[in-house]
Amino acid sequence: MNCPKCKSGMRQLAVGDMLLDRCRNCYGLWLDDGELNTLKKIQNTGSIDLGIPEGVELEAPSHLLRCSKCRCRLNTKRSYLEYETCPQCRGIFLDAGELSKKKNFTLAQKIKGFFGLGG
């Protein structure tokens, strides 16, 4: 499986009873349907989401990204974060650092983001 963002190979990462896929180059995460809800319950995701590696530039336009599993065009979702989802297999792609950001957002920041008031 290849990363939808940088096209590098993905590496499987065992987290509990799940196997997540993390890009070897940009550290983006591919989550199968339902895995994000399970990850939200895990306290320390630091070993899962390593942040953006030094020296890696990621400027691939979101509208060009394809699903790593079924090759469908990914849709960009924007709430208090921006991430990509597959309309067919319902997988989710998170750029490096986005899982940590998602877990650290407060309710007030989510509400501000929803109304476009900044974070």
N, C-alpha and C. Protein backbone atom coordinates (compact mmCIF):
# COMPACT_ATOMS: atom_id res chain seq x y z
N MET A 1 0.85 -1.18 0.00
CA MET A 1 0.00 0.00 0.00
C MET A 1 0.89 1.24 0.00
N ASN A 2 0.51 2.25 -0.77
CA ASN A 2 1.28 3.49 -0.86
C ASN A 2 0.52 4.66 -0.26
N CYS A 3 1.25 5.63 0.22
CA CYS A 3 0.71 6.83 0.83
C CYS A 3 -0.04 7.65 -0.22
N PRO A 4 -1.26 8.11 0.10
CA PRO A 4 -1.98 8.95 -0.85
C PRO A 4 -1.32 10.31 -1.06
N LYS A 5 -0.55 10.77 -0.10
CA LYS A 5 0.04 12.11 -0.16
C LYS A 5 1.36 12.13 -0.93
N CYS A 6 2.31 11.27 -0.53
CA CYS A 6 3.65 11.34 -1.13
C CYS A 6 4.01 10.11 -1.96
N LYS A 7 3.11 9.12 -2.00
CA LYS A 7 3.25 7.89 -2.80
C LYS A 7 4.32 6.93 -2.28
N SER A 8 4.89 7.19 -1.12
CA SER A 8 5.88 6.27 -0.53
C SER A 8 5.15 5.06 0.07
N GLY A 9 5.89 4.03 0.38
CA GLY A 9 5.31 2.84 0.98
C GLY A 9 4.80 3.10 2.39
N MET A 10 3.75 2.39 2.74
CA MET A 10 3.19 2.48 4.09
C MET A 10 3.68 1.28 4.90
N ARG A 11 3.83 1.49 6.17
CA ARG A 11 4.28 0.44 7.09
C ARG A 11 3.19 0.17 8.10
N GLN A 12 2.90 -1.10 8.37
CA GLN A 12 1.86 -1.42 9.34
C GLN A 12 2.37 -1.22 10.75
N LEU A 13 1.48 -0.72 11.58
CA LEU A 13 1.80 -0.38 12.96
C LEU A 13 0.71 -1.00 13.84
N ALA A 14 1.10 -1.90 14.73
CA ALA A 14 0.15 -2.55 15.62
C ALA A 14 -0.19 -1.63 16.79
N VAL A 15 -1.48 -1.36 16.96
CA VAL A 15 -1.98 -0.54 18.05
C VAL A 15 -3.16 -1.29 18.65
N GLY A 16 -2.97 -1.88 19.81
CA GLY A 16 -4.01 -2.72 20.38
C GLY A 16 -4.29 -3.88 19.45
N ASP A 17 -5.55 -4.05 19.08
CA ASP A 17 -5.90 -5.12 18.15
C ASP A 17 -6.06 -4.62 16.71
N MET A 18 -5.60 -3.38 16.47
CA MET A 18 -5.69 -2.79 15.13
C MET A 18 -4.32 -2.81 14.45
N LEU A 19 -4.34 -2.80 13.13
CA LEU A 19 -3.15 -2.59 12.33
C LEU A 19 -3.35 -1.31 11.53
N LEU A 20 -2.67 -0.24 11.93
CA LEU A 20 -2.73 1.03 11.22
C LEU A 20 -1.64 1.06 10.17
N ASP A 21 -1.75 1.97 9.23
CA ASP A 21 -0.73 2.13 8.20
C ASP A 21 -0.14 3.52 8.31
N ARG A 22 1.19 3.59 8.45
CA ARG A 22 1.88 4.87 8.56
C ARG A 22 2.90 4.98 7.43
N CYS A 23 2.93 6.13 6.77
CA CYS A 23 3.86 6.35 5.67
C CYS A 23 5.30 6.34 6.18
N ARG A 24 6.16 5.66 5.44
CA ARG A 24 7.58 5.60 5.81
C ARG A 24 8.29 6.94 5.59
N ASN A 25 7.73 7.79 4.74
CA ASN A 25 8.39 9.05 4.39
C ASN A 25 7.79 10.25 5.15
N CYS A 26 6.49 10.48 4.99
CA CYS A 26 5.87 11.69 5.55
C CYS A 26 5.16 11.43 6.87
N TYR A 27 5.06 10.17 7.29
CA TYR A 27 4.42 9.75 8.55
C TYR A 27 2.91 9.98 8.58
N GLY A 28 2.30 10.20 7.43
CA GLY A 28 0.84 10.29 7.37
C GLY A 28 0.23 8.96 7.81
N LEU A 29 -1.00 9.01 8.29
CA LEU A 29 -1.67 7.81 8.80
C LEU A 29 -2.90 7.47 7.96
N TRP A 30 -3.02 6.20 7.57
CA TRP A 30 -4.22 5.71 6.92
C TRP A 30 -5.00 4.90 7.96
N LEU A 31 -6.25 5.26 8.16
CA LEU A 31 -7.11 4.58 9.12
C LEU A 31 -8.27 3.94 8.38
N ASP A 32 -8.49 2.67 8.61
CA ASP A 32 -9.64 1.99 8.03
C ASP A 32 -10.90 2.46 8.76
N ASP A 33 -12.04 2.19 8.16
CA ASP A 33 -13.33 2.59 8.72
C ASP A 33 -13.44 2.14 10.19
N GLY A 34 -13.76 3.08 11.07
CA GLY A 34 -13.95 2.79 12.49
C GLY A 34 -12.72 2.93 13.36
N GLU A 35 -11.53 2.94 12.76
CA GLU A 35 -10.31 2.99 13.57
C GLU A 35 -10.11 4.34 14.26
N LEU A 36 -10.57 5.42 13.66
CA LEU A 36 -10.41 6.73 14.30
C LEU A 36 -11.17 6.77 15.62
N ASN A 37 -12.38 6.22 15.65
CA ASN A 37 -13.15 6.21 16.90
C ASN A 37 -12.44 5.41 17.98
N THR A 38 -11.80 4.32 17.60
CA THR A 38 -11.03 3.52 18.57
C THR A 38 -9.81 4.30 19.05
N LEU A 39 -9.13 5.00 18.13
CA LEU A 39 -7.94 5.77 18.51
C LEU A 39 -8.26 6.92 19.45
N LYS A 40 -9.44 7.49 19.32
CA LYS A 40 -9.84 8.61 20.19
C LYS A 40 -9.82 8.20 21.66
N LYS A 41 -10.01 6.92 21.91
CA LYS A 41 -10.07 6.41 23.29
C LYS A 41 -8.68 6.14 23.88
N ILE A 42 -7.64 6.12 23.03
CA ILE A 42 -6.29 5.85 23.49
C ILE A 42 -5.68 7.15 24.02
N GLN A 43 -5.14 7.10 25.23
CA GLN A 43 -4.62 8.30 25.88
C GLN A 43 -3.38 8.86 25.20
N ASN A 44 -2.37 8.03 24.99
CA ASN A 44 -1.09 8.51 24.45
C ASN A 44 -0.94 8.03 23.01
N THR A 45 -1.08 8.96 22.08
CA THR A 45 -0.90 8.62 20.67
C THR A 45 0.45 9.10 20.13
N GLY A 46 1.33 9.53 21.01
CA GLY A 46 2.63 10.05 20.59
C GLY A 46 3.46 9.05 19.79
N SER A 47 3.34 7.78 20.10
CA SER A 47 4.10 6.77 19.36
C SER A 47 3.44 6.43 18.03
N ILE A 48 2.18 6.85 17.85
CA ILE A 48 1.46 6.61 16.61
C ILE A 48 1.66 7.78 15.65
N ASP A 49 1.42 8.99 16.15
CA ASP A 49 1.52 10.20 15.34
C ASP A 49 2.84 10.89 15.65
N LEU A 50 3.80 10.74 14.76
CA LEU A 50 5.16 11.22 15.01
C LEU A 50 5.38 12.67 14.61
N GLY A 51 4.37 13.32 14.02
CA GLY A 51 4.56 14.68 13.53
C GLY A 51 5.27 14.67 12.18
N ILE A 52 5.39 15.82 11.57
CA ILE A 52 6.00 15.93 10.25
C ILE A 52 7.51 15.78 10.38
N PRO A 53 8.11 14.85 9.62
CA PRO A 53 9.56 14.68 9.68
C PRO A 53 10.29 15.90 9.12
N GLU A 54 11.43 16.18 9.69
CA GLU A 54 12.23 17.31 9.25
C GLU A 54 12.65 17.14 7.80
N GLY A 55 12.52 18.19 7.02
CA GLY A 55 12.96 18.17 5.63
C GLY A 55 11.95 17.62 4.63
N VAL A 56 10.79 17.20 5.09
CA VAL A 56 9.77 16.66 4.18
C VAL A 56 8.78 17.77 3.85
N GLU A 57 8.65 18.08 2.56
CA GLU A 57 7.71 19.09 2.08
C GLU A 57 6.50 18.38 1.50
N LEU A 58 5.32 18.72 1.97
CA LEU A 58 4.10 18.08 1.50
C LEU A 58 3.13 19.12 0.97
N GLU A 59 3.13 19.29 -0.31
CA GLU A 59 2.24 20.27 -0.91
C GLU A 59 1.31 19.66 -1.94
N ALA A 60 1.06 18.35 -1.87
CA ALA A 60 0.15 17.70 -2.82
C ALA A 60 -1.25 18.26 -2.61
N PRO A 61 -1.86 18.81 -3.67
CA PRO A 61 -3.23 19.34 -3.53
C PRO A 61 -4.20 18.23 -3.11
N SER A 62 -5.04 18.54 -2.13
CA SER A 62 -5.96 17.55 -1.59
C SER A 62 -6.88 16.96 -2.65
N HIS A 63 -7.26 17.77 -3.63
CA HIS A 63 -8.22 17.28 -4.63
C HIS A 63 -7.61 16.25 -5.59
N LEU A 64 -6.30 16.03 -5.51
CA LEU A 64 -5.64 15.06 -6.37
C LEU A 64 -5.36 13.73 -5.67
N LEU A 65 -5.66 13.64 -4.39
CA LEU A 65 -5.32 12.45 -3.62
C LEU A 65 -6.28 11.30 -3.91
N ARG A 66 -5.72 10.09 -3.96
CA ARG A 66 -6.48 8.87 -4.22
C ARG A 66 -6.37 7.93 -3.03
N CYS A 67 -7.42 7.18 -2.79
CA CYS A 67 -7.47 6.22 -1.70
C CYS A 67 -6.38 5.16 -1.89
N SER A 68 -5.70 4.83 -0.81
CA SER A 68 -4.65 3.82 -0.85
C SER A 68 -5.21 2.42 -1.05
N LYS A 69 -6.46 2.22 -0.71
CA LYS A 69 -7.07 0.89 -0.81
C LYS A 69 -7.81 0.67 -2.12
N CYS A 70 -8.74 1.58 -2.45
CA CYS A 70 -9.61 1.34 -3.62
C CYS A 70 -9.38 2.32 -4.77
N ARG A 71 -8.47 3.26 -4.60
CA ARG A 71 -8.06 4.20 -5.64
C ARG A 71 -9.11 5.26 -5.98
N CYS A 72 -10.19 5.37 -5.22
CA CYS A 72 -11.18 6.43 -5.42
C CYS A 72 -10.55 7.78 -5.07
N ARG A 73 -11.12 8.84 -5.62
CA ARG A 73 -10.65 10.18 -5.26
C ARG A 73 -11.09 10.47 -3.83
N LEU A 74 -10.16 10.96 -3.01
CA LEU A 74 -10.48 11.28 -1.61
C LEU A 74 -11.19 12.61 -1.52
N ASN A 75 -12.12 12.71 -0.59
CA ASN A 75 -12.81 13.95 -0.30
C ASN A 75 -12.15 14.63 0.88
N THR A 76 -12.04 15.95 0.82
CA THR A 76 -11.48 16.70 1.94
C THR A 76 -12.61 17.11 2.87
N LYS A 77 -12.42 16.82 4.15
CA LYS A 77 -13.37 17.22 5.19
C LYS A 77 -12.72 18.32 5.99
N ARG A 78 -13.49 19.35 6.28
CA ARG A 78 -12.98 20.46 7.08
C ARG A 78 -13.91 20.68 8.27
N SER A 79 -13.35 20.59 9.44
CA SER A 79 -14.07 20.96 10.65
C SER A 79 -13.09 21.84 11.40
N TYR A 80 -12.64 21.43 12.51
CA TYR A 80 -11.56 22.14 13.18
C TYR A 80 -10.21 21.64 12.68
N LEU A 81 -10.22 20.58 11.89
CA LEU A 81 -9.04 20.06 11.20
C LEU A 81 -9.43 19.79 9.75
N GLU A 82 -8.43 19.61 8.92
CA GLU A 82 -8.67 19.21 7.55
C GLU A 82 -8.07 17.82 7.35
N TYR A 83 -8.87 16.90 6.82
CA TYR A 83 -8.40 15.54 6.58
C TYR A 83 -9.14 14.98 5.38
N GLU A 84 -8.68 13.86 4.86
CA GLU A 84 -9.25 13.27 3.66
C GLU A 84 -9.97 11.97 4.00
N THR A 85 -11.09 11.73 3.32
CA THR A 85 -11.85 10.50 3.52
C THR A 85 -12.18 9.87 2.17
N CYS A 86 -12.35 8.57 2.18
CA CYS A 86 -12.73 7.84 0.98
C CYS A 86 -14.24 7.60 1.01
N PRO A 87 -14.95 8.01 -0.04
CA PRO A 87 -16.39 7.81 -0.06
C PRO A 87 -16.80 6.34 -0.25
N GLN A 88 -15.89 5.51 -0.74
CA GLN A 88 -16.23 4.11 -0.99
C GLN A 88 -15.92 3.22 0.20
N CYS A 89 -14.65 3.17 0.64
CA CYS A 89 -14.28 2.27 1.74
C CYS A 89 -14.34 2.95 3.11
N ARG A 90 -14.56 4.27 3.11
CA ARG A 90 -14.69 5.09 4.33
C ARG A 90 -13.40 5.18 5.14
N GLY A 91 -12.27 4.94 4.49
CA GLY A 91 -10.98 5.13 5.14
C GLY A 91 -10.70 6.61 5.33
N ILE A 92 -9.75 6.90 6.21
CA ILE A 92 -9.38 8.29 6.52
C ILE A 92 -7.87 8.44 6.41
N PHE A 93 -7.43 9.54 5.78
CA PHE A 93 -6.01 9.85 5.75
C PHE A 93 -5.77 11.10 6.57
N LEU A 94 -4.86 10.99 7.54
CA LEU A 94 -4.47 12.11 8.37
C LEU A 94 -3.01 12.44 8.09
N ASP A 95 -2.73 13.70 7.79
CA ASP A 95 -1.34 14.12 7.67
C ASP A 95 -0.65 13.94 9.01
N ALA A 96 0.66 13.84 8.97
CA ALA A 96 1.43 13.73 10.21
C ALA A 96 1.09 14.91 11.12
N GLY A 97 0.85 14.63 12.38
CA GLY A 97 0.54 15.65 13.37
C GLY A 97 -0.95 15.90 13.56
N GLU A 98 -1.79 15.49 12.60
CA GLU A 98 -3.22 15.79 12.70
C GLU A 98 -3.93 14.98 13.78
N LEU A 99 -3.51 13.75 14.02
CA LEU A 99 -4.13 12.95 15.08
C LEU A 99 -3.89 13.61 16.44
N SER A 100 -2.68 14.06 16.66
CA SER A 100 -2.36 14.73 17.93
C SER A 100 -3.16 16.03 18.06
N LYS A 101 -3.26 16.79 16.98
CA LYS A 101 -4.05 18.03 17.01
C LYS A 101 -5.50 17.73 17.33
N LYS A 102 -6.03 16.69 16.69
CA LYS A 102 -7.44 16.32 16.90
C LYS A 102 -7.70 15.98 18.36
N LYS A 103 -6.80 15.26 18.99
CA LYS A 103 -6.99 14.85 20.38
C LYS A 103 -6.83 16.03 21.34
N ASN A 104 -6.06 17.05 20.96
CA ASN A 104 -5.76 18.16 21.86
C ASN A 104 -6.69 19.35 21.73
N PHE A 105 -7.58 19.33 20.75
CA PHE A 105 -8.51 20.45 20.59
C PHE A 105 -9.51 20.46 21.74
N THR A 106 -9.76 21.64 22.26
CA THR A 106 -10.76 21.78 23.31
C THR A 106 -12.13 22.01 22.67
N LEU A 107 -13.16 21.87 23.43
CA LEU A 107 -14.51 22.11 22.93
C LEU A 107 -14.64 23.55 22.42
N ALA A 108 -14.08 24.51 23.15
CA ALA A 108 -14.16 25.92 22.72
C ALA A 108 -13.48 26.11 21.36
N GLN A 109 -12.33 25.47 21.14
CA GLN A 109 -11.65 25.59 19.85
C GLN A 109 -12.47 24.95 18.73
N LYS A 110 -13.13 23.84 19.02
CA LYS A 110 -13.99 23.18 18.03
C LYS A 110 -15.14 24.10 17.63
N ILE A 111 -15.75 24.75 18.61
CA ILE A 111 -16.87 25.66 18.33
C ILE A 111 -16.40 26.86 17.52
N LYS A 112 -15.26 27.44 17.90
CA LYS A 112 -14.72 28.56 17.14
C LYS A 112 -14.42 28.14 15.70
N GLY A 113 -13.83 26.97 15.52
CA GLY A 113 -13.53 26.47 14.17
C GLY A 113 -14.79 26.24 13.37
N PHE A 114 -15.83 25.75 13.99
CA PHE A 114 -17.10 25.50 13.31
C PHE A 114 -17.69 26.79 12.76
N PHE A 115 -17.57 27.87 13.54
CA PHE A 115 -18.11 29.16 13.12
C PHE A 115 -17.09 30.03 12.38
N GLY A 116 -15.91 29.45 12.09
CA GLY A 116 -14.91 30.18 11.33
C GLY A 116 -14.27 31.32 12.10
N LEU A 117 -14.16 31.17 13.40
CA LEU A 117 -13.61 32.23 14.24
C LEU A 117 -12.15 32.00 14.59
N GLY A 118 -11.52 31.00 13.97
CA GLY A 118 -10.12 30.71 14.28
C GLY A 118 -9.99 29.87 15.50
N GLY A 119 -8.75 29.45 15.79
CA GLY A 119 -8.56 28.52 16.91
C GLY A 119 -7.81 29.15 17.99
